[in-house]
Amino acid sequence: MKKIIAAMLLSVASSTAFAQTEKGTQNIGASFTIQTSDSKNNYFDGITNISSDVKLNIYNASINYGYFVADKLDLGLLAGYSYQKNSQDNNDTEYSQKVNGYFAGVQLRKYVLFNDKIGIRTGPAFTYSRDKSTSKYSIQDEQVTNTNSYNGRIGLDFVFYPTKHLGITSTIGNVYYTYSKSKGFYEGSANNFGASFVNNLNLGFFYSW
């Protein structure tokens, strides 16, 4: 294993295709996130054994544009769409929820690269999002809630340049704060602060010039 890792690092170090991260460079890209889960839960409520099937599907897609205001430091814009579907089916109750959302924001990212080829990028981002949630319990009418959210975060991404112009990224984690306000079936506001480490499939690709 050590020999394989050493060979990979040597290959990267000997490559002549350097990333374009100098001042004045631009890049445009897209990223995708997919998260799915399917589980079966069984529990006893004191009278009946209850079996419950729980499914979760989350999809996110975004586009972003960045301009390097200094060497290895870019300022950018981002926008995207997210879709989430949850469902739970047990002995006598069915529940489903669909969430459609749109978001847009700005970000500042500092690149730390080994031999201008592989490394990380990190920095703050500020986004606004609007979500529409539609929930339904068994035979009840649909319940619709609209939520506006304001988010600030510091993110950490893995970055790799296989060629001079093409880059590949994957999110590692975030520290974030979110304020949200909901209207509709559910009314109210919330403040959330936390950290997350991504354990799902997420990839981004961008082109630099």
Protein backbone atom coordinates (compact mmCIF):
# COMPACT_ATOMS: atom_id res chain seq x y z
CA MET A 1 0.00 0.00 0.00
CA LYS A 2 2.81 2.42 0.88
CA LYS A 3 4.46 1.74 -2.48
CA ILE A 4 1.19 2.45 -4.31
CA ILE A 5 0.67 5.76 -2.47
CA ALA A 6 4.28 6.77 -3.11
CA ALA A 7 3.88 5.97 -6.80
CA MET A 8 0.71 8.08 -7.02
CA LEU A 9 2.41 11.06 -5.36
CA LEU A 10 5.43 10.69 -7.64
CA SER A 11 3.16 10.60 -10.67
CA VAL A 12 1.42 13.79 -9.56
CA ALA A 13 4.71 15.53 -8.78
CA SER A 14 6.21 14.63 -12.16
CA SER A 15 3.21 15.81 -14.19
CA THR A 16 3.74 18.92 -16.29
CA ALA A 17 0.06 19.99 -16.42
CA PHE A 18 -0.38 22.61 -13.72
CA ALA A 19 -3.70 23.92 -12.43
CA GLN A 20 -4.80 27.35 -13.58
CA THR A 21 -5.19 29.17 -10.27
CA GLU A 22 -3.30 32.39 -10.92
CA LYS A 23 -4.87 35.84 -10.66
CA GLY A 24 -7.23 36.60 -13.55
CA THR A 25 -8.10 32.95 -14.22
CA GLN A 26 -11.79 31.98 -14.41
CA ASN A 27 -13.60 28.70 -13.93
CA ILE A 28 -17.12 27.38 -14.40
CA GLY A 29 -18.40 24.08 -13.10
CA ALA A 30 -21.19 21.85 -11.85
CA SER A 31 -21.58 19.56 -8.84
CA PHE A 32 -23.94 16.75 -7.91
CA THR A 33 -24.91 15.05 -4.66
CA ILE A 34 -26.88 11.82 -4.29
CA GLN A 35 -27.96 10.26 -1.00
CA THR A 36 -30.31 7.29 -0.68
CA SER A 37 -31.30 4.95 2.13
CA ASP A 38 -33.83 2.17 2.57
CA SER A 39 -34.41 0.58 5.97
CA LYS A 40 -36.90 -1.69 7.71
CA ASN A 41 -37.68 -1.14 11.40
CA ASN A 42 -39.54 -3.44 13.77
CA TYR A 43 -40.75 -2.55 17.24
CA PHE A 44 -43.37 -3.58 19.82
CA ASP A 45 -45.72 -0.90 21.20
CA GLY A 46 -46.95 -3.09 24.07
CA ILE A 47 -49.83 -4.60 22.11
CA THR A 48 -48.78 -5.07 18.48
CA ASN A 49 -45.60 -5.79 16.59
CA ILE A 50 -45.19 -2.92 14.13
CA SER A 51 -43.10 -3.15 10.97
CA SER A 52 -42.07 0.08 9.26
CA ASP A 53 -40.37 0.68 5.90
CA VAL A 54 -38.45 3.97 5.73
CA LYS A 55 -36.98 5.41 2.52
CA LEU A 56 -34.96 8.59 1.93
CA ASN A 57 -33.75 10.06 -1.37
CA ILE A 58 -31.88 13.36 -1.69
CA TYR A 59 -30.57 14.89 -4.94
CA ASN A 60 -28.73 18.19 -5.35
CA ALA A 61 -27.32 19.85 -8.47
CA SER A 62 -25.56 23.21 -8.68
CA ILE A 63 -23.56 25.35 -11.06
CA ASN A 64 -20.88 27.85 -10.05
CA TYR A 65 -18.63 30.48 -11.56
CA GLY A 66 -15.37 31.68 -10.02
CA TYR A 67 -12.85 34.42 -10.76
CA PHE A 68 -9.38 34.40 -9.19
CA VAL A 69 -8.98 37.78 -7.51
CA ALA A 70 -5.50 36.70 -6.40
CA ASP A 71 -3.28 33.67 -6.89
CA LYS A 72 -5.09 30.59 -5.49
CA LEU A 73 -8.03 32.69 -4.25
CA ASP A 74 -11.30 32.83 -6.18
CA LEU A 75 -14.54 34.72 -5.65
CA GLY A 76 -17.62 33.09 -7.12
CA LEU A 77 -21.36 32.79 -7.59
CA LEU A 78 -23.41 29.63 -7.23
CA ALA A 79 -26.99 28.50 -7.87
CA GLY A 80 -28.77 25.18 -7.76
CA TYR A 81 -31.75 22.93 -7.23
CA SER A 82 -32.45 20.27 -4.59
CA TYR A 83 -35.05 17.52 -4.32
CA GLN A 84 -35.82 15.32 -1.35
CA LYS A 85 -38.36 12.54 -0.89
CA ASN A 86 -39.07 10.73 2.39
CA SER A 87 -41.58 7.96 2.94
CA GLN A 88 -42.62 5.70 5.80
CA ASP A 89 -45.07 2.82 5.58
CA ASN A 90 -46.05 0.77 8.64
CA ASN A 91 -48.95 -1.48 9.56
CA ASP A 92 -51.71 1.11 9.41
CA THR A 93 -50.15 4.47 8.48
CA GLU A 94 -48.46 5.85 5.38
CA TYR A 95 -46.46 9.07 5.36
CA SER A 96 -44.66 10.79 2.48
CA GLN A 97 -42.89 14.11 2.08
CA LYS A 98 -41.46 15.86 -0.98
CA VAL A 99 -39.25 18.94 -0.78
CA ASN A 100 -38.30 21.03 -3.81
CA GLY A 101 -35.80 23.82 -3.28
CA TYR A 102 -33.78 26.47 -5.10
CA PHE A 103 -30.70 28.25 -3.78
CA ALA A 104 -28.18 30.92 -4.80
CA GLY A 105 -25.20 32.57 -3.17
CA VAL A 106 -21.62 33.82 -3.19
CA GLN A 107 -18.41 32.13 -2.05
CA LEU A 108 -14.72 32.84 -1.47
CA ARG A 109 -12.28 29.92 -1.70
CA LYS A 110 -8.58 29.57 -0.90
CA TYR A 111 -6.70 26.77 -2.72
CA VAL A 112 -3.86 24.85 -1.03
CA LEU A 113 -2.34 22.54 -3.64
CA PHE A 114 0.58 20.13 -3.85
CA ASN A 115 2.55 20.81 -7.04
CA ASP A 116 -0.47 22.77 -8.35
CA LYS A 117 -2.27 19.47 -8.92
CA ILE A 118 -3.95 18.07 -5.81
CA GLY A 119 -5.03 19.45 -2.45
CA ILE A 120 -7.89 21.26 -0.75
CA ARG A 121 -9.83 24.49 -0.99
CA THR A 122 -11.67 26.20 1.86
CA GLY A 123 -13.51 29.43 2.60
CA PRO A 124 -16.83 31.06 3.48
CA ALA A 125 -20.06 30.92 1.48
CA PHE A 126 -23.38 32.71 1.96
CA THR A 127 -26.56 31.36 0.38
CA TYR A 128 -30.30 31.99 0.26
CA SER A 129 -32.71 29.14 -0.39
CA ARG A 130 -36.47 28.70 -0.81
CA ASP A 131 -38.06 25.30 -0.23
CA LYS A 132 -41.57 23.97 -0.77
CA SER A 133 -42.47 20.96 1.35
CA THR A 134 -45.52 18.80 0.60
CA SER A 135 -46.46 16.22 3.26
CA LYS A 136 -49.24 13.66 3.33
CA TYR A 137 -50.50 11.27 6.03
CA SER A 138 -52.59 8.33 4.78
CA ILE A 139 -55.96 9.69 3.59
CA GLN A 140 -55.45 13.24 4.90
CA ASP A 141 -55.12 16.24 2.58
CA GLU A 142 -51.68 17.41 1.51
CA GLN A 143 -49.91 19.81 3.89
CA VAL A 144 -47.81 22.50 2.19
CA THR A 145 -45.09 24.57 3.89
CA ASN A 146 -42.82 27.21 2.29
CA THR A 147 -39.49 27.95 3.96
CA ASN A 148 -36.95 30.75 3.36
CA SER A 149 -33.45 30.07 4.69
CA TYR A 150 -30.26 32.11 5.04
CA ASN A 151 -27.06 30.13 5.42
CA GLY A 152 -23.45 30.97 6.20
CA ARG A 153 -20.78 28.27 6.16
CA ILE A 154 -17.10 27.50 5.92
CA GLY A 155 -16.56 24.53 3.63
CA LEU A 156 -13.70 22.15 2.93
CA ASP A 157 -13.33 20.47 -0.49
CA PHE A 158 -10.89 17.99 -1.98
CA VAL A 159 -9.51 19.26 -5.34
CA PHE A 160 -7.67 17.43 -8.11
CA TYR A 161 -6.57 18.71 -11.54
CA PRO A 162 -6.10 15.75 -13.94
CA THR A 163 -5.33 18.27 -16.71
CA LYS A 164 -4.44 21.94 -16.86
CA HIS A 165 -8.01 23.05 -17.56
CA LEU A 166 -10.14 20.34 -15.93
CA GLY A 167 -10.71 20.07 -12.18
CA ILE A 168 -12.54 17.51 -10.00
CA THR A 169 -13.83 18.27 -6.51
CA SER A 170 -15.58 16.48 -3.66
CA THR A 171 -16.96 18.07 -0.49
CA ILE A 172 -15.35 16.87 2.74
CA GLY A 173 -17.26 18.87 5.35
CA ASN A 174 -18.82 22.14 6.51
CA VAL A 175 -19.26 24.30 9.57
CA TYR A 176 -22.52 26.23 9.18
CA TYR A 177 -25.17 28.54 10.64
CA THR A 178 -28.72 28.68 9.24
CA TYR A 179 -31.71 30.90 9.98
CA SER A 180 -35.00 29.74 8.49
CA LYS A 181 -38.59 30.95 8.55
CA SER A 182 -41.60 28.85 7.52
CA LYS A 183 -45.15 29.69 6.48
CA GLY A 184 -48.08 27.48 5.56
CA PHE A 185 -49.08 24.34 7.42
CA TYR A 186 -46.06 24.74 9.69
CA GLU A 187 -45.37 28.27 10.95
CA GLY A 188 -42.28 29.47 12.78
CA SER A 189 -38.56 30.16 12.62
CA ALA A 190 -35.41 28.29 13.58
CA ASN A 191 -31.70 28.87 14.16
CA ASN A 192 -29.24 26.04 13.57
CA PHE A 193 -25.48 25.87 14.10
CA GLY A 194 -23.43 22.76 13.48
CA ALA A 195 -20.83 20.84 11.53
CA SER A 196 -21.17 18.05 9.00
CA PHE A 197 -18.83 15.56 7.37
CA VAL A 198 -20.08 14.29 4.05
CA ASN A 199 -20.47 10.51 3.77
CA ASN A 200 -22.53 10.36 0.58
CA LEU A 201 -21.75 10.48 -3.13
CA ASN A 202 -20.83 14.00 -4.22
CA LEU A 203 -18.72 15.09 -7.16
CA GLY A 204 -17.99 18.37 -8.89
CA PHE A 205 -16.32 19.18 -12.19
CA PHE A 206 -15.07 22.52 -13.46
CA TYR A 207 -13.25 24.00 -16.43
CA SER A 208 -10.64 26.76 -16.04
CA TRP A 209 -9.31 29.26 -18.56
